[in-house]
Protein backbone atom coordinates (compact mmCIF):
# COMPACT_ATOMS: atom_id res chain seq x y z
CA MET A 1 -19.73 -48.65 -37.69
CA PRO A 2 -21.07 -46.03 -36.09
CA ILE A 3 -22.29 -45.74 -32.46
CA VAL A 4 -26.24 -45.47 -31.94
CA LEU A 5 -27.40 -44.58 -28.68
CA SER A 6 -31.05 -44.73 -28.16
CA ARG A 7 -33.23 -41.69 -26.67
CA ARG A 8 -33.13 -43.26 -23.68
CA ALA A 9 -29.68 -44.02 -23.30
CA LEU A 10 -28.34 -40.62 -25.33
CA ARG A 11 -29.59 -38.80 -22.22
CA PRO A 12 -27.99 -39.53 -19.47
CA ALA A 13 -24.77 -39.36 -22.01
CA VAL A 14 -25.78 -35.32 -22.54
CA LEU A 15 -26.00 -34.88 -18.75
CA PHE A 16 -22.82 -36.80 -18.36
CA THR A 17 -20.97 -34.47 -20.56
CA GLY A 18 -22.36 -31.58 -19.75
CA ALA A 19 -21.65 -32.02 -15.85
CA ALA A 20 -17.91 -33.12 -16.68
CA LEU A 21 -17.33 -29.79 -18.99
CA ILE A 22 -18.96 -27.72 -16.05
CA VAL A 23 -16.76 -29.31 -13.32
CA SER A 24 -13.95 -28.77 -15.93
CA LEU A 25 -15.04 -25.09 -16.71
CA ALA A 26 -15.40 -24.41 -12.71
CA ALA A 27 -11.62 -25.93 -11.97
CA CYS A 28 -10.19 -23.81 -14.58
CA ALA A 29 -11.66 -20.68 -13.25
CA SER A 30 -10.83 -21.29 -9.78
CA SER A 31 -7.47 -22.29 -10.62
CA GLY A 32 -6.90 -18.98 -13.02
CA GLU A 33 -8.22 -16.63 -10.36
CA SER A 34 -6.11 -18.06 -7.63
CA SER A 35 -3.07 -17.44 -9.44
CA THR A 36 -3.82 -13.83 -10.52
CA THR A 37 -5.68 -12.59 -7.01
CA PRO A 38 -3.13 -11.08 -4.95
CA THR A 39 -2.77 -12.03 -1.32
CA PRO A 40 -4.00 -8.94 0.80
CA SER A 41 -0.67 -8.40 2.66
CA ALA A 42 1.44 -8.15 -0.60
CA THR A 43 -0.75 -5.75 -2.57
CA ALA A 44 -3.88 -4.43 -0.59
CA SER A 45 -4.77 -3.15 2.50
CA THR A 46 -7.77 -3.37 5.09
CA VAL A 47 -9.83 0.12 4.92
CA GLU A 48 -12.56 0.75 6.99
CA ALA A 49 -15.12 2.73 4.74
CA GLY A 50 -12.45 5.24 3.86
CA ALA A 51 -12.41 8.35 1.43
CA LEU A 52 -9.36 6.48 -0.61
CA GLY A 53 -7.97 3.18 -2.12
CA VAL A 54 -4.56 1.90 -0.45
CA ARG A 55 -2.78 -0.06 -2.72
CA ASP A 56 0.66 -1.95 -1.67
CA PRO A 57 0.75 -0.37 1.56
CA TRP A 58 4.24 -1.43 3.24
CA VAL A 59 6.76 -0.15 6.22
CA LYS A 60 10.16 0.03 6.10
CA ALA A 61 11.76 -2.41 8.82
CA ALA A 62 13.69 -0.71 11.38
CA ASP A 63 15.02 -1.69 14.94
CA GLU A 64 14.58 1.90 16.48
CA GLY A 65 14.51 5.79 15.65
CA MET A 66 12.73 6.65 12.51
CA THR A 67 11.38 4.67 9.65
CA ALA A 68 8.78 5.64 6.83
CA ALA A 69 5.49 4.12 5.52
CA PHE A 70 4.61 3.71 1.81
CA ALA A 71 1.44 3.12 -0.32
CA THR A 72 -0.22 3.85 -3.69
CA LEU A 73 -3.40 6.22 -2.50
CA VAL A 74 -6.16 6.12 -5.01
CA ASN A 75 -8.87 8.33 -5.09
CA ASP A 76 -12.10 7.13 -7.52
CA SER A 77 -14.22 10.01 -5.69
CA ASP A 78 -15.18 13.35 -8.16
CA THR A 79 -14.05 15.69 -5.67
CA ASP A 80 -10.04 16.07 -4.29
CA VAL A 81 -9.07 14.27 -0.52
CA THR A 82 -6.55 15.81 1.48
CA ILE A 83 -4.79 14.09 4.39
CA THR A 84 -3.75 16.19 7.12
CA GLY A 85 -2.32 13.49 9.62
CA ALA A 86 -1.24 10.06 10.15
CA ALA A 87 -1.35 7.86 13.44
CA SER A 88 0.33 4.45 14.63
CA GLU A 89 0.53 2.85 17.73
CA VAL A 90 4.12 2.46 17.58
CA SER A 91 5.15 5.85 17.04
CA PRO A 92 4.11 9.64 16.73
CA MET A 93 3.97 10.63 12.63
CA GLU A 94 4.09 13.19 10.10
CA LEU A 95 3.60 13.77 6.62
CA HIS A 96 6.81 14.40 5.12
CA GLU A 97 7.99 15.32 1.52
CA MET A 98 11.29 14.89 -0.25
CA ALA A 99 11.91 18.62 -1.56
CA MET A 100 14.92 21.11 -3.05
CA ALA A 101 16.33 23.78 -0.13
CA ASP A 102 19.35 25.79 -0.67
CA GLY A 103 20.61 23.54 -3.31
CA LYS A 104 20.16 20.40 -1.33
CA MET A 105 17.36 17.75 -1.27
CA VAL A 106 16.08 17.68 2.41
CA MET A 107 13.16 15.97 3.79
CA ARG A 108 10.24 18.23 5.77
CA ALA A 109 7.17 18.08 6.83
CA LYS A 110 4.32 18.52 4.77
CA GLN A 111 2.38 21.53 6.65
CA ASP A 112 -0.99 22.00 3.95
CA GLY A 113 -0.92 17.93 4.04
CA VAL A 114 -1.32 15.84 1.03
CA VAL A 115 -3.78 16.35 -1.63
CA ILE A 116 -4.81 13.28 -4.01
CA LYS A 117 -6.87 14.92 -6.70
CA ALA A 118 -10.11 13.36 -7.97
CA LYS A 119 -10.08 10.11 -9.67
CA SER A 120 -6.45 10.05 -9.70
CA GLU A 121 -3.47 7.99 -7.85
CA TYR A 122 -0.73 9.32 -5.54
CA LYS A 123 2.23 7.43 -4.61
CA LEU A 124 3.97 7.85 -0.88
CA GLU A 125 7.19 6.26 -2.00
CA PRO A 126 10.82 6.28 -0.91
CA GLY A 127 12.72 9.31 -1.85
CA GLY A 128 9.25 11.14 -2.26
CA ASP A 129 6.46 12.10 -0.02
CA HIS A 130 6.02 9.61 2.84
CA LEU A 131 4.54 8.79 6.22
CA MET A 132 6.88 9.50 8.77
CA LEU A 133 7.10 7.50 11.98
CA MET A 134 9.34 9.76 14.32
CA ASP A 135 10.63 7.87 17.24
CA LEU A 136 9.72 4.23 17.40
CA ALA A 137 8.42 2.66 20.63
CA LYS A 138 9.57 -0.73 19.91
CA PRO A 139 11.39 -1.99 16.60
CA VAL A 140 9.43 -2.86 13.23
CA ARG A 141 10.76 -6.39 12.38
CA ALA A 142 10.43 -7.61 8.66
CA GLY A 143 6.66 -9.38 8.66
CA ASP A 144 5.29 -7.16 11.45
CA GLU A 145 1.72 -5.64 10.48
CA LEU A 146 1.11 -2.09 11.52
CA THR A 147 -2.22 -0.27 11.65
CA PHE A 148 -2.02 3.06 10.40
CA THR A 149 -4.83 6.23 10.73
CA LEU A 150 -5.25 8.57 8.13
CA THR A 151 -7.10 11.91 9.13
CA PHE A 152 -8.57 13.99 6.60
CA ALA A 153 -9.38 17.56 6.16
CA ASP A 154 -13.36 16.88 6.57
CA GLY A 155 -12.32 15.38 10.06
CA ARG A 156 -12.97 11.68 8.52
CA THR A 157 -10.37 9.05 9.66
CA GLN A 158 -9.32 5.70 7.47
CA THR A 159 -7.38 3.10 8.42
CA PHE A 160 -4.95 0.49 6.88
CA ARG A 161 -2.82 -2.35 7.63
CA ALA A 162 0.92 -2.72 5.99
CA VAL A 163 3.43 -5.10 6.31
CA ALA A 164 7.16 -4.28 7.25
CA LYS A 165 10.00 -5.20 5.00
CA PRO A 166 13.52 -4.75 4.64
CA PHE A 167 14.32 -2.05 2.50
CA THR A 168 17.74 -0.77 1.15
CA GLY A 169 17.08 1.25 -1.63
CA ALA A 170 17.21 4.75 -2.06
CA GLN A 171 20.03 4.98 0.50
CA GLU A 172 17.81 6.61 2.86
CA SER A 173 18.34 6.90 6.45
CA TYR A 174 15.22 7.74 8.64
CA ALA A 175 17.58 8.07 11.83
CA PRO A 176 17.83 11.54 14.21
CA GLY A 177 20.13 13.45 11.61
CA HIS A 178 19.26 10.76 8.48
CA GLY A 179 23.01 9.84 8.56
CA GLU A 180 25.53 10.51 6.09
CA PRO A 181 24.32 12.83 2.67
CA MET A 182 24.14 10.37 -0.32
CA PRO A 183 26.89 11.73 -3.02
CA ASP A 184 25.29 14.16 -5.49
CA MET A 185 21.90 14.36 -3.26
CA PRO A 186 22.38 15.60 0.57
CA THR A 187 19.71 15.09 2.69
CA SER A 188 19.07 16.82 5.65
CA HIS A 189 16.20 16.89 8.04
CA SER A 190 14.38 20.81 8.12
CA PRO A 191 11.23 21.55 9.36
CA ALA A 192 9.00 22.74 6.57
CA PRO A 193 9.26 26.99 6.18
């Protein structure tokens, strides 16, 4: 026998069902968002009204000497953006690249800066271009958060934060003299020509 609800009983039943549906959908949406929203320290940076987006910033942990910072720089604008310098509270810095010189892979300063083309991304990564911390004033331990300031060709600046993590990939050495060369990829530090 079917259940027949009077008009008076139907209205609260519909309201209750609607409210339950809304609560269910809200719960699903919020749990889905939290599982897909990355944590700021893992994938994004805090950027002060800048010219670039900075994704996945991190620093190679080091006890002393030299180390490097890496990130993906995103230029969503319609014009190229040139980074001419970088600064940190823990060390003097240079923009560096890995390049072939005299048949060897060498690390050297990028004298003309780093150009991020309009509507593109530029990766600062181990074995490639990077932000070089030259002489650490204190150890950079895994989990430390460092603040960096980029300087652009037009005089603007932009800050971002990056978390330090241990990294042994690419067998790079950021110590003075840069350690022993890797087999088939000798590495030495030389100034840009």
